[in-house]
Structure formats: structure tokens, C-alpha cells
C-alpha atoms as a PDB file:
ATOM      1  CA  MET A   1      57.097 -63.092  19.007  1.00  0.00           C
ATOM      2  CA  GLU A   2      54.156 -60.907  19.999  1.00  0.00           C
ATOM      3  CA  SER A   3      52.944 -57.987  17.885  1.00  0.00           C
ATOM      4  CA  ILE A   4      51.381 -54.761  19.111  1.00  0.00           C
ATOM      5  CA  LEU A   5      49.031 -52.306  17.526  1.00  0.00           C
ATOM      6  CA  ILE A   6      49.630 -48.646  18.461  1.00  0.00           C
ATOM      7  CA  HIS A   7      47.010 -45.792  18.270  1.00  0.00           C
ATOM      8  CA  PRO A   8      48.820 -42.474  18.288  1.00  0.00           C
ATOM      9  CA  GLU A   9      46.584 -39.498  18.987  1.00  0.00           C
ATOM     10  CA  SER A  10      48.524 -36.930  16.984  1.00  0.00           C
ATOM     11  CA  ALA A  11      50.985 -36.599  14.121  1.00  0.00           C
ATOM     12  CA  GLU A  12      53.722 -35.723  16.587  1.00  0.00           C
ATOM     13  CA  GLN A  13      53.135 -38.966  18.511  1.00  0.00           C
ATOM     14  CA  LEU A  14      53.195 -40.955  15.386  1.00  0.00           C
ATOM     15  CA  LYS A  15      56.444 -39.390  14.275  1.00  0.00           C
ATOM     16  CA  THR A  16      58.023 -40.009  17.762  1.00  0.00           C
ATOM     17  CA  VAL A  17      56.897 -43.649  17.907  1.00  0.00           C
ATOM     18  CA  LYS A  18      58.351 -44.295  14.389  1.00  0.00           C
ATOM     19  CA  ALA A  19      61.600 -42.626  15.450  1.00  0.00           C
ATOM     20  CA  VAL A  20      61.875 -44.770  18.604  1.00  0.00           C
ATOM     21  CA  LEU A  21      61.154 -47.993  16.584  1.00  0.00           C
ATOM     22  CA  LYS A  22      63.729 -47.047  13.973  1.00  0.00           C
ATOM     23  CA  ALA A  23      66.320 -46.219  16.632  1.00  0.00           C
ATOM     24  CA  LEU A  24      65.667 -49.694  18.270  1.00  0.00           C
ATOM     25  CA  LYS A  25      65.856 -51.344  14.889  1.00  0.00           C
ATOM     26  CA  VAL A  26      62.263 -52.744  15.409  1.00  0.00           C
ATOM     27  CA  GLN A  27      60.604 -53.589  12.125  1.00  0.00           C
ATOM     28  CA  PHE A  28      57.184 -52.112  11.577  1.00  0.00           C
ATOM     29  CA  GLU A  29      54.618 -51.818   8.785  1.00  0.00           C
ATOM     30  CA  PRO A  30      52.740 -48.540   8.401  1.00  0.00           C
ATOM     31  CA  GLN A  31      49.086 -48.963   7.484  1.00  0.00           C
ATOM     32  CA  ALA A  32      46.708 -46.356   6.208  1.00  0.00           C
ATOM     33  CA  ASP A  33      43.306 -45.947   7.833  1.00  0.00           C
ATOM     34  CA  THR A  34      40.977 -46.759   4.990  1.00  0.00           C
ATOM     35  CA  LEU A  35      37.434 -48.040   4.922  1.00  0.00           C
ATOM     36  CA  PRO A  36      36.405 -51.021   2.812  1.00  0.00           C
ATOM     37  CA  PRO A  37      34.760 -50.134  -0.523  1.00  0.00           C
ATOM     38  CA  HIS A  38      31.267 -51.421   0.645  1.00  0.00           C
ATOM     39  CA  VAL A  39      31.353 -48.989   3.596  1.00  0.00           C
ATOM     40  CA  ILE A  40      32.345 -46.051   1.404  1.00  0.00           C
ATOM     41  CA  LYS A  41      29.524 -46.943  -0.951  1.00  0.00           C
ATOM     42  CA  GLY A  42      27.030 -46.985   1.934  1.00  0.00           C
ATOM     43  CA  ILE A  43      28.172 -43.697   3.305  1.00  0.00           C
ATOM     44  CA  GLU A  44      27.944 -42.136  -0.179  1.00  0.00           C
ATOM     45  CA  LYS A  45      24.422 -43.532  -0.582  1.00  0.00           C
ATOM     46  CA  SER A  46      23.393 -42.177   2.807  1.00  0.00           C
ATOM     47  CA  LEU A  47      24.728 -38.658   2.048  1.00  0.00           C
ATOM     48  CA  LYS A  48      22.852 -38.646  -1.250  1.00  0.00           C
ATOM     49  CA  GLN A  49      19.593 -39.665   0.521  1.00  0.00           C
ATOM     50  CA  TYR A  50      20.218 -36.818   2.972  1.00  0.00           C
ATOM     51  CA  GLU A  51      20.793 -34.283   0.149  1.00  0.00           C
ATOM     52  CA  ASP A  52      17.627 -35.455  -1.498  1.00  0.00           C
ATOM     53  CA  GLY A  53      15.609 -34.923   1.671  1.00  0.00           C
ATOM     54  CA  GLN A  54      15.000 -38.565   2.304  1.00  0.00           C
ATOM     55  CA  THR A  55      15.272 -38.367   6.032  1.00  0.00           C
ATOM     56  CA  ILE A  56      13.135 -39.172   9.032  1.00  0.00           C
ATOM     57  CA  SER A  57      13.218 -37.872  12.606  1.00  0.00           C
ATOM     58  CA  LEU A  58      14.636 -39.915  15.495  1.00  0.00           C
ATOM     59  CA  GLN A  59      11.148 -40.334  16.875  1.00  0.00           C
ATOM     60  CA  GLU A  60       9.907 -41.709  13.508  1.00  0.00           C
ATOM     61  CA  PHE A  61      12.858 -44.108  13.438  1.00  0.00           C
ATOM     62  CA  LYS A  62      12.117 -45.319  16.960  1.00  0.00           C
ATOM     63  CA  ASP A  63       8.449 -45.809  16.179  1.00  0.00           C
ATOM     64  CA  LYS A  64       9.243 -47.726  12.974  1.00  0.00           C
ATOM     65  CA  HIS A  65      12.005 -50.015  14.344  1.00  0.00           C
ATOM     66  CA  PHE A  66      11.387 -50.326  18.096  1.00  0.00           C
ATOM     67  CA  SER A  67       7.664 -50.278  18.433  1.00  0.00           C
ATOM     68  CA  LYS A  68       6.112 -53.222  20.153  1.00  0.00           C
ATOM     69  CA  LYS A  69       3.477 -54.943  18.076  1.00  0.00           C
END
């Protein structure tokens, strides 16, 4: 059988979808939206760099990474 992934846009939509699935006796598995640990670590590192003033402007980024040499 085919599976579907549903993306409700509000808590109310999620509650309604769950109620419909339960009423139809359709099995479903709730899953939390969590990021992998390496992504969380990268975000935390970036926020620390920002707090420490380790930033560059968009123009500096473009010059550094997109300049034609």
C-alpha cells in the first residue's frame, strides 16, 4: 500500500487530520520535527561566531567566494 506525508499548516489542521485518520481507523505514526545533531551543532557554532562579532558583509562574502580569478 502507498504511504503519504502530510504537512499541516496549523495546530488546528493537525488535530483535524488526526481525528479523521482515527475515525477512519487509519494507522499513522506521529513524528517530531527535529534536526540532526550535526545541524544543531553547526547552528550553535554560527550563533556563537555572530555573538563574538565574527561576521562579514554580503559583499565581502561574494568577493571571497564568487570572485573570478
